[in-house]
């Protein structure tokens, strides 16, 4: 493989890790696997996450188009988060991490 192809491959990997490499990011994606959730539901599901950290990660994931923020006005504004197709494409990677962890880290 040429040096140019290696550099491009390494650059792509680096960009992916910048997005997904934060501690809570993959947990947030996993929490949204089955259904959309409101902020308070995510906060309950992700035991130990700081609200500021959750807010920052949600904003980052929304900017990267991994999640979508949905606003609905009922009696008051209700905001929920759902995975986009790009976010759903990450789920098989999470499953492989779980398989690896179960096999080699338990």
PDB file of N, CA and C in Angstrom:
ATOM      1  N   UNK A   1       0.847  -1.176   0.000  1.00  0.00           N
ATOM      2  CA  UNK A   1       0.000   0.000   0.000  1.00  0.00           C
ATOM      3  C   UNK A   1       0.890   1.237   0.000  1.00  0.00           C
ATOM      4  N   UNK A   2       0.527   2.237  -0.777  1.00  0.00           N
ATOM      5  CA  UNK A   2       1.345   3.437  -0.885  1.00  0.00           C
ATOM      6  C   UNK A   2       1.239   4.281   0.376  1.00  0.00           C
ATOM      7  N   UNK A   3       2.223   5.164   0.541  1.00  0.00           N
ATOM      8  CA  UNK A   3       2.241   6.058   1.700  1.00  0.00           C
ATOM      9  C   UNK A   3       1.025   6.967   1.702  1.00  0.00           C
ATOM     10  N   UNK A   4       0.593   7.412   0.517  1.00  0.00           N
ATOM     11  CA  UNK A   4      -0.578   8.282   0.408  1.00  0.00           C
ATOM     12  C   UNK A   4      -1.835   7.578   0.912  1.00  0.00           C
ATOM     13  N   UNK A   5      -1.998   6.310   0.532  1.00  0.00           N
ATOM     14  CA  UNK A   5      -3.158   5.539   0.985  1.00  0.00           C
ATOM     15  C   UNK A   5      -3.080   5.296   2.489  1.00  0.00           C
ATOM     16  N   UNK A   6      -1.890   5.033   3.008  1.00  0.00           N
ATOM     17  CA  UNK A   6      -1.712   4.842   4.451  1.00  0.00           C
ATOM     18  C   UNK A   6      -2.057   6.116   5.213  1.00  0.00           C
ATOM     19  N   UNK A   7      -1.614   7.250   4.697  1.00  0.00           N
ATOM     20  CA  UNK A   7      -1.912   8.531   5.356  1.00  0.00           C
ATOM     21  C   UNK A   7      -3.406   8.808   5.366  1.00  0.00           C
ATOM     22  N   UNK A   8      -4.078   8.527   4.243  1.00  0.00           N
ATOM     23  CA  UNK A   8      -5.526   8.747   4.160  1.00  0.00           C
ATOM     24  C   UNK A   8      -6.263   7.824   5.133  1.00  0.00           C
ATOM     25  N   UNK A   9      -5.839   6.565   5.173  1.00  0.00           N
ATOM     26  CA  UNK A   9      -6.456   5.584   6.066  1.00  0.00           C
ATOM     27  C   UNK A   9      -6.271   6.006   7.529  1.00  0.00           C
ATOM     28  N   UNK A  10      -5.054   6.441   7.871  1.00  0.00           N
ATOM     29  CA  UNK A  10      -4.766   6.892   9.232  1.00  0.00           C
ATOM     30  C   UNK A  10      -5.556   8.157   9.557  1.00  0.00           C
ATOM     31  N   UNK A  11      -5.676   9.056   8.605  1.00  0.00           N
ATOM     32  CA  UNK A  11      -6.429  10.291   8.812  1.00  0.00           C
ATOM     33  C   UNK A  11      -7.913   9.996   9.062  1.00  0.00           C
ATOM     34  N   UNK A  12      -8.476   9.079   8.276  1.00  0.00           N
ATOM     35  CA  UNK A  12      -9.884   8.695   8.462  1.00  0.00           C
ATOM     36  C   UNK A  12     -10.100   8.079   9.842  1.00  0.00           C
ATOM     37  N   UNK A  13      -9.190   7.196  10.240  1.00  0.00           N
ATOM     38  CA  UNK A  13      -9.284   6.560  11.560  1.00  0.00           C
ATOM     39  C   UNK A  13      -9.205   7.620  12.652  1.00  0.00           C
ATOM     40  N   UNK A  14      -8.308   8.565  12.480  1.00  0.00           N
ATOM     41  CA  UNK A  14      -8.131   9.637  13.461  1.00  0.00           C
ATOM     42  C   UNK A  14      -9.410  10.454  13.609  1.00  0.00           C
ATOM     43  N   UNK A  15     -10.045  10.782  12.492  1.00  0.00           N
ATOM     44  CA  UNK A  15     -11.287  11.556  12.535  1.00  0.00           C
ATOM     45  C   UNK A  15     -12.403  10.764  13.213  1.00  0.00           C
ATOM     46  N   UNK A  16     -12.494   9.482  12.921  1.00  0.00           N
ATOM     47  CA  UNK A  16     -13.493   8.631  13.562  1.00  0.00           C
ATOM     48  C   UNK A  16     -13.290   8.566  15.066  1.00  0.00           C
ATOM     49  N   UNK A  17     -12.036   8.454  15.489  1.00  0.00           N
ATOM     50  CA  UNK A  17     -11.742   8.388  16.922  1.00  0.00           C
ATOM     51  C   UNK A  17     -12.002   9.717  17.623  1.00  0.00           C
ATOM     52  N   UNK A  18     -11.829  10.823  16.911  1.00  0.00           N
ATOM     53  CA  UNK A  18     -12.146  12.131  17.501  1.00  0.00           C
ATOM     54  C   UNK A  18     -13.634  12.216  17.842  1.00  0.00           C
ATOM     55  N   UNK A  19     -14.448  11.622  17.004  1.00  0.00           N
ATOM     56  CA  UNK A  19     -15.898  11.658  17.224  1.00  0.00           C
ATOM     57  C   UNK A  19     -16.320  10.634  18.276  1.00  0.00           C
ATOM     58  N   UNK A  20     -15.831   9.412  18.166  1.00  0.00           N
ATOM     59  CA  UNK A  20     -16.322   8.310  18.983  1.00  0.00           C
ATOM     60  C   UNK A  20     -15.467   7.997  20.202  1.00  0.00           C
ATOM     61  N   UNK A  21     -14.307   8.634  20.326  1.00  0.00           N
ATOM     62  CA  UNK A  21     -13.353   8.260  21.353  1.00  0.00           C
ATOM     63  C   UNK A  21     -13.628   8.776  22.749  1.00  0.00           C
ATOM     64  N   UNK A  22     -14.604   9.663  22.902  1.00  0.00           N
ATOM     65  CA  UNK A  22     -14.940  10.156  24.247  1.00  0.00           C
ATOM     66  C   UNK A  22     -15.592   9.037  25.053  1.00  0.00           C
ATOM     67  N   UNK A  23     -15.320   9.023  26.345  1.00  0.00           N
ATOM     68  CA  UNK A  23     -15.795   7.935  27.200  1.00  0.00           C
ATOM     69  C   UNK A  23     -17.298   7.704  27.089  1.00  0.00           C
ATOM     70  N   UNK A  24     -18.103   8.739  27.178  1.00  0.00           N
ATOM     71  CA  UNK A  24     -19.555   8.564  27.243  1.00  0.00           C
ATOM     72  C   UNK A  24     -20.227   8.437  25.880  1.00  0.00           C
ATOM     73  N   UNK A  25     -19.551   8.803  24.827  1.00  0.00           N
ATOM     74  CA  UNK A  25     -20.176   8.857  23.508  1.00  0.00           C
ATOM     75  C   UNK A  25     -20.776   7.526  23.079  1.00  0.00           C
ATOM     76  N   UNK A  26     -20.020   6.458  23.189  1.00  0.00           N
ATOM     77  CA  UNK A  26     -20.538   5.156  22.765  1.00  0.00           C
ATOM     78  C   UNK A  26     -21.681   4.676  23.658  1.00  0.00           C
ATOM     79  N   UNK A  27     -21.635   5.040  24.930  1.00  0.00           N
ATOM     80  CA  UNK A  27     -22.738   4.688  25.827  1.00  0.00           C
ATOM     81  C   UNK A  27     -24.020   5.425  25.425  1.00  0.00           C
ATOM     82  N   UNK A  28     -23.881   6.666  25.008  1.00  0.00           N
ATOM     83  CA  UNK A  28     -25.053   7.440  24.561  1.00  0.00           C
ATOM     84  C   UNK A  28     -25.654   6.791  23.319  1.00  0.00           C
ATOM     85  N   UNK A  29     -24.810   6.440  22.374  1.00  0.00           N
ATOM     86  CA  UNK A  29     -25.288   5.785  21.147  1.00  0.00           C
ATOM     87  C   UNK A  29     -25.991   4.475  21.493  1.00  0.00           C
ATOM     88  N   UNK A  30     -25.401   3.704  22.382  1.00  0.00           N
ATOM     89  CA  UNK A  30     -26.010   2.438  22.800  1.00  0.00           C
ATOM     90  C   UNK A  30     -27.354   2.671  23.486  1.00  0.00           C
ATOM     91  N   UNK A  31     -27.446   3.712  24.301  1.00  0.00           N
ATOM     92  CA  UNK A  31     -28.692   4.007  25.012  1.00  0.00           C
ATOM     93  C   UNK A  31     -29.817   4.381  24.044  1.00  0.00           C
ATOM     94  N   UNK A  32     -29.460   4.893  22.877  1.00  0.00           N
ATOM     95  CA  UNK A  32     -30.465   5.292  21.889  1.00  0.00           C
ATOM     96  C   UNK A  32     -30.740   4.194  20.859  1.00  0.00           C
ATOM     97  N   UNK A  33     -30.164   3.028  21.059  1.00  0.00           N
ATOM     98  CA  UNK A  33     -30.284   1.942  20.086  1.00  0.00           C
ATOM     99  C   UNK A  33     -31.733   1.543  19.822  1.00  0.00           C
ATOM    100  N   UNK A  34     -32.530   1.417  20.843  1.00  0.00           N
ATOM    101  CA  UNK A  34     -33.881   0.868  20.691  1.00  0.00           C
ATOM    102  C   UNK A  34     -34.931   1.941  20.426  1.00  0.00           C
ATOM    103  N   UNK A  35     -34.807   3.082  21.102  1.00  0.00           N
ATOM    104  CA  UNK A  35     -35.823   4.124  20.950  1.00  0.00           C
ATOM    105  C   UNK A  35     -35.251   5.493  21.257  1.00  0.00           C
ATOM    106  N   UNK A  36     -35.966   6.498  20.791  1.00  0.00           N
ATOM    107  CA  UNK A  36     -35.556   7.861  21.107  1.00  0.00           C
ATOM    108  C   UNK A  36     -35.794   8.128  22.591  1.00  0.00           C
ATOM    109  N   UNK A  37     -34.999   9.032  23.146  1.00  0.00           N
ATOM    110  CA  UNK A  37     -35.102   9.315  24.580  1.00  0.00           C
ATOM    111  C   UNK A  37     -34.930  10.800  24.835  1.00  0.00           C
ATOM    112  N   UNK A  38     -35.553  11.228  25.912  1.00  0.00           N
ATOM    113  CA  UNK A  38     -35.382  12.598  26.375  1.00  0.00           C
ATOM    114  C   UNK A  38     -34.113  12.684  27.221  1.00  0.00           C
ATOM    115  N   UNK A  39     -33.666  13.910  27.457  1.00  0.00           N
ATOM    116  CA  UNK A  39     -32.441  14.149  28.211  1.00  0.00           C
ATOM    117  C   UNK A  39     -32.488  13.453  29.567  1.00  0.00           C
ATOM    118  N   UNK A  40     -33.599  13.605  30.288  1.00  0.00           N
ATOM    119  CA  UNK A  40     -33.697  13.023  31.631  1.00  0.00           C
ATOM    120  C   UNK A  40     -33.654  11.493  31.583  1.00  0.00           C
ATOM    121  N   UNK A  41     -34.188  10.889  30.516  1.00  0.00           N
ATOM    122  CA  UNK A  41     -34.120   9.434  30.372  1.00  0.00           C
ATOM    123  C   UNK A  41     -32.678   8.988  30.138  1.00  0.00           C
ATOM    124  N   UNK A  42     -31.959   9.726  29.301  1.00  0.00           N
ATOM    125  CA  UNK A  42     -30.548   9.404  29.062  1.00  0.00           C
ATOM    126  C   UNK A  42     -29.740   9.559  30.344  1.00  0.00           C
ATOM    127  N   UNK A  43     -30.036  10.604  31.089  1.00  0.00           N
ATOM    128  CA  UNK A  43     -29.329  10.852  32.352  1.00  0.00           C
ATOM    129  C   UNK A  43     -29.539   9.689  33.334  1.00  0.00           C
ATOM    130  N   UNK A  44     -30.768   9.155  33.373  1.00  0.00           N
ATOM    131  CA  UNK A  44     -31.062   8.005  34.247  1.00  0.00           C
ATOM    132  C   UNK A  44     -30.367   6.740  33.755  1.00  0.00           C
ATOM    133  N   UNK A  45     -30.368   6.538  32.439  1.00  0.00           N
ATOM    134  CA  UNK A  45     -29.755   5.333  31.861  1.00  0.00           C
ATOM    135  C   UNK A  45     -28.235   5.320  32.012  1.00  0.00           C
ATOM    136  N   UNK A  46     -27.629   6.485  31.945  1.00  0.00           N
ATOM    137  CA  UNK A  46     -26.171   6.600  31.977  1.00  0.00           C
ATOM    138  C   UNK A  46     -25.726   6.993  33.381  1.00  0.00           C
ATOM    139  N   UNK A  47     -25.780   6.044  34.262  1.00  0.00           N
ATOM    140  CA  UNK A  47     -25.474   6.285  35.676  1.00  0.00           C
ATOM    141  C   UNK A  47     -24.072   6.856  35.820  1.00  0.00           C
ATOM    142  N   UNK A  48     -24.003   8.015  36.479  1.00  0.00           N
ATOM    143  CA  UNK A  48     -22.713   8.636  36.748  1.00  0.00           C
ATOM    144  C   UNK A  48     -22.331   9.738  35.779  1.00  0.00           C
ATOM    145  N   UNK A  49     -23.113   9.949  34.721  1.00  0.00           N
ATOM    146  CA  UNK A  49     -22.756  11.003  33.782  1.00  0.00           C
ATOM    147  C   UNK A  49     -23.148  12.366  34.358  1.00  0.00           C
ATOM    148  N   UNK A  50     -22.274  13.310  34.191  1.00  0.00           N
ATOM    149  CA  UNK A  50     -22.518  14.685  34.613  1.00  0.00           C
ATOM    150  C   UNK A  50     -23.443  15.339  33.576  1.00  0.00           C
ATOM    151  N   UNK A  51     -24.457  16.105  33.998  1.00  0.00           N
ATOM    152  CA  UNK A  51     -25.372  16.740  33.037  1.00  0.00           C
ATOM    153  C   UNK A  51     -24.652  17.612  32.000  1.00  0.00           C
ATOM    154  N   UNK A  52     -23.589  18.285  32.412  1.00  0.00           N
ATOM    155  CA  UNK A  52     -22.830  19.117  31.473  1.00  0.00           C
ATOM    156  C   UNK A  52     -22.145  18.249  30.428  1.00  0.00           C
ATOM    157  N   UNK A  53     -21.592  17.130  30.859  1.00  0.00           N
ATOM    158  CA  UNK A  53     -20.950  16.197  29.930  1.00  0.00           C
ATOM    159  C   UNK A  53     -21.975  15.644  28.949  1.00  0.00           C
ATOM    160  N   UNK A  54     -23.145  15.268  29.439  1.00  0.00           N
ATOM    161  CA  UNK A  54     -24.199  14.748  28.571  1.00  0.00           C
ATOM    162  C   UNK A  54     -24.603  15.799  27.544  1.00  0.00           C
ATOM    163  N   UNK A  55     -24.797  17.017  27.989  1.00  0.00           N
ATOM    164  CA  UNK A  55     -25.164  18.111  27.082  1.00  0.00           C
ATOM    165  C   UNK A  55     -24.109  18.286  25.994  1.00  0.00           C
ATOM    166  N   UNK A  56     -22.841  18.318  26.403  1.00  0.00           N
ATOM    167  CA  UNK A  56     -21.756  18.512  25.438  1.00  0.00           C
ATOM    168  C   UNK A  56     -21.665  17.373  24.437  1.00  0.00           C
ATOM    169  N   UNK A  57     -21.802  16.147  24.913  1.00  0.00           N
ATOM    170  CA  UNK A  57     -21.726  14.987  24.013  1.00  0.00           C
ATOM    171  C   UNK A  57     -22.911  14.971  23.042  1.00  0.00           C
ATOM    172  N   UNK A  58     -24.104  15.310  23.534  1.00  0.00           N
ATOM    173  CA  UNK A  58     -25.275  15.350  22.655  1.00  0.00           C
ATOM    174  C   UNK A  58     -25.091  16.400  21.564  1.00  0.00           C
ATOM    175  N   UNK A  59     -24.580  17.556  21.925  1.00  0.00           N
ATOM    176  CA  UNK A  59     -24.332  18.609  20.932  1.00  0.00           C
ATOM    177  C   UNK A  59     -23.327  18.142  19.882  1.00  0.00           C
ATOM    178  N   UNK A  60     -22.263  17.496  20.337  1.00  0.00           N
ATOM    179  CA  UNK A  60     -21.232  17.003  19.425  1.00  0.00           C
ATOM    180  C   UNK A  60     -21.804  15.943  18.482  1.00  0.00           C
ATOM    181  N   UNK A  61     -22.581  15.009  19.034  1.00  0.00           N
ATOM    182  CA  UNK A  61     -23.180  13.956  18.218  1.00  0.00           C
ATOM    183  C   UNK A  61     -24.188  14.524  17.226  1.00  0.00           C
ATOM    184  N   UNK A  62     -24.893  15.571  17.629  1.00  0.00           N
ATOM    185  CA  UNK A  62     -25.834  16.222  16.718  1.00  0.00           C
ATOM    186  C   UNK A  62     -25.076  16.936  15.590  1.00  0.00           C
ATOM    187  N   UNK A  63     -23.998  17.613  15.926  1.00  0.00           N
ATOM    188  CA  UNK A  63     -23.184  18.293  14.903  1.00  0.00           C
ATOM    189  C   UNK A  63     -22.621  17.298  13.888  1.00  0.00           C
ATOM    190  N   UNK A  64     -22.267  16.117  14.365  1.00  0.00           N
ATOM    191  CA  UNK A  64     -21.707  15.077  13.490  1.00  0.00           C
ATOM    192  C   UNK A  64     -22.790  14.279  12.777  1.00  0.00           C
ATOM    193  N   UNK A  65     -24.051  14.632  13.022  1.00  0.00           N
ATOM    194  CA  UNK A  65     -25.206  13.976  12.396  1.00  0.00           C
ATOM    195  C   UNK A  65     -25.314  12.494  12.753  1.00  0.00           C
ATOM    196  N   UNK A  66     -24.896  12.171  13.980  1.00  0.00           N
ATOM    197  CA  UNK A  66     -25.018  10.807  14.502  1.00  0.00           C
ATOM    198  C   UNK A  66     -26.342  10.659  15.239  1.00  0.00           C
ATOM    199  N   UNK A  67     -26.792  11.746  15.836  1.00  0.00           N
ATOM    200  CA  UNK A  67     -28.121  11.778  16.453  1.00  0.00           C
ATOM    201  C   UNK A  67     -28.880  12.967  15.893  1.00  0.00           C
ATOM    202  N   UNK A  68     -30.189  12.908  16.064  1.00  0.00           N
ATOM    203  CA  UNK A  68     -31.049  14.019  15.676  1.00  0.00           C
ATOM    204  C   UNK A  68     -31.794  14.486  16.913  1.00  0.00           C
ATOM    205  N   UNK A  69     -31.857  15.781  17.090  1.00  0.00           N
ATOM    206  CA  UNK A  69     -32.597  16.391  18.196  1.00  0.00           C
ATOM    207  C   UNK A  69     -33.992  16.718  17.689  1.00  0.00           C
ATOM    208  N   UNK A  70     -34.998  16.223  18.387  1.00  0.00           N
ATOM    209  CA  UNK A  70     -36.389  16.467  17.991  1.00  0.00           C
ATOM    210  C   UNK A  70     -37.074  17.321  19.046  1.00  0.00           C
ATOM    211  N   UNK A  71     -37.712  18.364  18.586  1.00  0.00           N
ATOM    212  CA  UNK A  71     -38.461  19.237  19.490  1.00  0.00           C
ATOM    213  C   UNK A  71     -39.948  19.080  19.206  1.00  0.00           C
ATOM    214  N   UNK A  72     -40.710  19.004  20.290  1.00  0.00           N
ATOM    215  CA  UNK A  72     -42.158  18.888  20.178  1.00  0.00           C
ATOM    216  C   UNK A  72     -42.773  19.774  21.249  1.00  0.00           C
ATOM    217  N   UNK A  73     -43.779  20.543  20.860  1.00  0.00           N
ATOM    218  CA  UNK A  73     -44.445  21.405  21.821  1.00  0.00           C
ATOM    219  C   UNK A  73     -45.772  20.764  22.203  1.00  0.00           C
ATOM    220  N   UNK A  74     -45.847  20.360  23.452  1.00  0.00           N
ATOM    221  CA  UNK A  74     -47.105  19.850  23.997  1.00  0.00           C
ATOM    222  C   UNK A  74     -47.619  20.955  24.907  1.00  0.00           C
ATOM    223  N   UNK A  75     -47.577  20.757  26.202  1.00  0.00           N
ATOM    224  CA  UNK A  75     -47.857  21.845  27.132  1.00  0.00           C
ATOM    225  C   UNK A  75     -46.635  22.743  27.242  1.00  0.00           C
ATOM    226  N   UNK A  76     -45.489  22.121  27.089  1.00  0.00           N
ATOM    227  CA  UNK A  76     -44.219  22.835  27.086  1.00  0.00           C
ATOM    228  C   UNK A  76     -43.317  22.169  26.057  1.00  0.00           C
ATOM    229  N   UNK A  77     -42.159  22.747  25.828  1.00  0.00           N
ATOM    230  CA  UNK A  77     -41.231  22.193  24.860  1.00  0.00           C
ATOM    231  C   UNK A  77     -40.673  20.870  25.371  1.00  0.00           C
ATOM    232  N   UNK A  78     -40.742  19.854  24.542  1.00  0.00           N
ATOM    233  CA  UNK A  78     -40.188  18.544  24.862  1.00  0.00           C
ATOM    234  C   UNK A  78     -39.131  18.224  23.810  1.00  0.00           C
ATOM    235  N   UNK A  79     -37.943  17.871  24.268  1.00  0.00           N
ATOM    236  CA  UNK A  79     -36.834  17.562  23.371  1.00  0.00           C
ATOM    237  C   UNK A  79     -36.451  16.102  23.559  1.00  0.00           C
ATOM    238  N   UNK A  80     -36.273  15.406  22.457  1.00  0.00           N
ATOM    239  CA  UNK A  80     -35.799  14.023  22.521  1.00  0.00           C
ATOM    240  C   UNK A  80     -34.697  13.838  21.479  1.00  0.00           C
ATOM    241  N   UNK A  81     -33.990  12.729  21.619  1.00  0.00           N
ATOM    242  CA  UNK A  81     -32.856  12.429  20.746  1.00  0.00           C
ATOM    243  C   UNK A  81     -33.057  11.046  20.150  1.00  0.00           C
ATOM    244  N   UNK A  82     -32.671  10.912  18.888  1.00  0.00           N
ATOM    245  CA  UNK A  82     -32.821   9.650  18.170  1.00  0.00           C
ATOM    246  C   UNK A  82     -31.591   9.454  17.284  1.00  0.00           C
ATOM    247  N   UNK A  83     -31.219   8.202  17.060  1.00  0.00           N
ATOM    248  CA  UNK A  83     -30.094   7.914  16.171  1.00  0.00           C
ATOM    249  C   UNK A  83     -30.477   8.176  14.723  1.00  0.00           C
ATOM    250  N   UNK A  84     -29.551   8.722  13.970  1.00  0.00           N
ATOM    251  CA  UNK A  84     -29.707   8.851  12.525  1.00  0.00           C
ATOM    252  C   UNK A  84     -29.208   7.548  11.888  1.00  0.00           C
ATOM    253  N   UNK A  85     -29.298   7.460  10.575  1.00  0.00           N
ATOM    254  CA  UNK A  85     -28.755   6.283   9.894  1.00  0.00           C
ATOM    255  C   UNK A  85     -27.245   6.186  10.129  1.00  0.00           C
ATOM    256  N   UNK A  86     -26.592   7.325  10.156  1.00  0.00           N
ATOM    257  CA  UNK A  86     -25.149   7.347  10.438  1.00  0.00           C
ATOM    258  C   UNK A  86     -24.872   6.793  11.844  1.00  0.00           C
ATOM    259  N   UNK A  87     -25.704   7.169  12.806  1.00  0.00           N
ATOM    260  CA  UNK A  87     -25.561   6.661  14.172  1.00  0.00           C
ATOM    261  C   UNK A  87     -25.840   5.173  14.263  1.00  0.00           C
ATOM    262  N   UNK A  88     -26.852   4.720  13.535  1.00  0.00           N
ATOM    263  CA  UNK A  88     -27.190   3.287  13.540  1.00  0.00           C
ATOM    264  C   UNK A  88     -26.058   2.449  12.941  1.00  0.00           C
ATOM    265  N   UNK A  89     -25.284   3.035  12.038  1.00  0.00           N
ATOM    266  CA  UNK A  89     -24.164   2.316  11.427  1.00  0.00           C
ATOM    267  C   UNK A  89     -23.064   2.013  12.441  1.00  0.00           C
ATOM    268  N   UNK A  90     -23.072   2.697  13.575  1.00  0.00           N
ATOM    269  CA  UNK A  90     -22.071   2.481  14.624  1.00  0.00           C
ATOM    270  C   UNK A  90     -22.442   1.288  15.507  1.00  0.00           C
ATOM    271  N   UNK A  91     -23.706   0.914  15.544  1.00  0.00           N
ATOM    272  CA  UNK A  91     -24.169  -0.156  16.433  1.00  0.00           C
ATOM    273  C   UNK A  91     -23.447  -1.490  16.228  1.00  0.00           C
ATOM    274  N   UNK A  92     -23.180  -1.931  14.997  1.00  0.00           N
ATOM    275  CA  UNK A  92     -22.427  -3.188  14.848  1.00  0.00           C
ATOM    276  C   UNK A  92     -21.021  -3.104  15.451  1.00  0.00           C
ATOM    277  N   UNK A  93     -20.418  -1.935  15.409  1.00  0.00           N
ATOM    278  CA  UNK A  93     -19.100  -1.755  16.026  1.00  0.00           C
ATOM    279  C   UNK A  93     -19.214  -1.942  17.536  1.00  0.00           C
ATOM    280  N   UNK A  94     -20.261  -1.395  18.131  1.00  0.00           N
ATOM    281  CA  UNK A  94     -20.485  -1.558  19.572  1.00  0.00           C
ATOM    282  C   UNK A  94     -20.680  -3.023  19.936  1.00  0.00           C
ATOM    283  N   UNK A  95     -21.417  -3.738  19.102  1.00  0.00           N
ATOM    284  CA  UNK A  95     -21.628  -5.169  19.362  1.00  0.00           C
ATOM    285  C   UNK A  95     -20.302  -5.928  19.316  1.00  0.00           C
ATOM    286  N   UNK A  96     -19.441  -5.599  18.373  1.00  0.00           N
ATOM    287  CA  UNK A  96     -18.129  -6.246  18.277  1.00  0.00           C
ATOM    288  C   UNK A  96     -17.255  -5.911  19.486  1.00  0.00           C
ATOM    289  N   UNK A  97     -17.342  -4.687  19.989  1.00  0.00           N
ATOM    290  CA  UNK A  97     -16.604  -4.317  21.202  1.00  0.00           C
ATOM    291  C   UNK A  97     -17.096  -5.150  22.376  1.00  0.00           C
ATOM    292  N   UNK A  98     -18.412  -5.348  22.468  1.00  0.00           N
ATOM    293  CA  UNK A  98     -18.975  -6.184  23.535  1.00  0.00           C
ATOM    294  C   UNK A  98     -18.483  -7.620  23.419  1.00  0.00           C
ATOM    295  N   UNK A  99     -18.482  -8.161  22.220  1.00  0.00           N
ATOM    296  CA  UNK A  99     -18.018  -9.538  22.005  1.00  0.00           C
ATOM    297  C   UNK A  99     -16.551  -9.652  22.420  1.00  0.00           C
ATOM    298  N   UNK A 100     -15.726  -8.712  21.987  1.00  0.00           N
ATOM    299  CA  UNK A 100     -14.317  -8.705  22.350  1.00  0.00           C
ATOM    300  C   UNK A 100     -14.148  -8.635  23.855  1.00  0.00           C
ATOM    301  N   UNK A 101     -14.870  -7.723  24.498  1.00  0.00           N
ATOM    302  CA  UNK A 101     -14.776  -7.545  25.949  1.00  0.00           C
ATOM    303  C   UNK A 101     -15.193  -8.792  26.691  1.00  0.00           C
ATOM    304  N   UNK A 102     -16.285  -9.405  26.279  1.00  0.00           N
ATOM    305  CA  UNK A 102     -16.754 -10.632  26.923  1.00  0.00           C
ATOM    306  C   UNK A 102     -15.744 -11.773  26.758  1.00  0.00           C
ATOM    307  N   UNK A 103     -15.107 -11.829  25.620  1.00  0.00           N
ATOM    308  CA  UNK A 103     -14.189 -12.923  25.326  1.00  0.00           C
ATOM    309  C   UNK A 103     -12.834 -12.739  26.011  1.00  0.00           C
ATOM    310  N   UNK A 104     -12.313 -11.523  26.027  1.00  0.00           N
ATOM    311  CA  UNK A 104     -10.948 -11.329  26.468  1.00  0.00           C
ATOM    312  C   UNK A 104     -10.781 -10.529  27.752  1.00  0.00           C
ATOM    313  N   UNK A 105     -11.821  -9.874  28.221  1.00  0.00           N
ATOM    314  CA  UNK A 105     -11.663  -8.991  29.375  1.00  0.00           C
ATOM    315  C   UNK A 105     -12.468  -9.411  30.601  1.00  0.00           C
ATOM    316  N   UNK A 106     -13.145 -10.554  30.518  1.00  0.00           N
ATOM    317  CA  UNK A 106     -13.907 -11.003  31.689  1.00  0.00           C
ATOM    318  C   UNK A 106     -13.262 -12.197  32.342  1.00  0.00           C
TER     319      UNK A 106
END
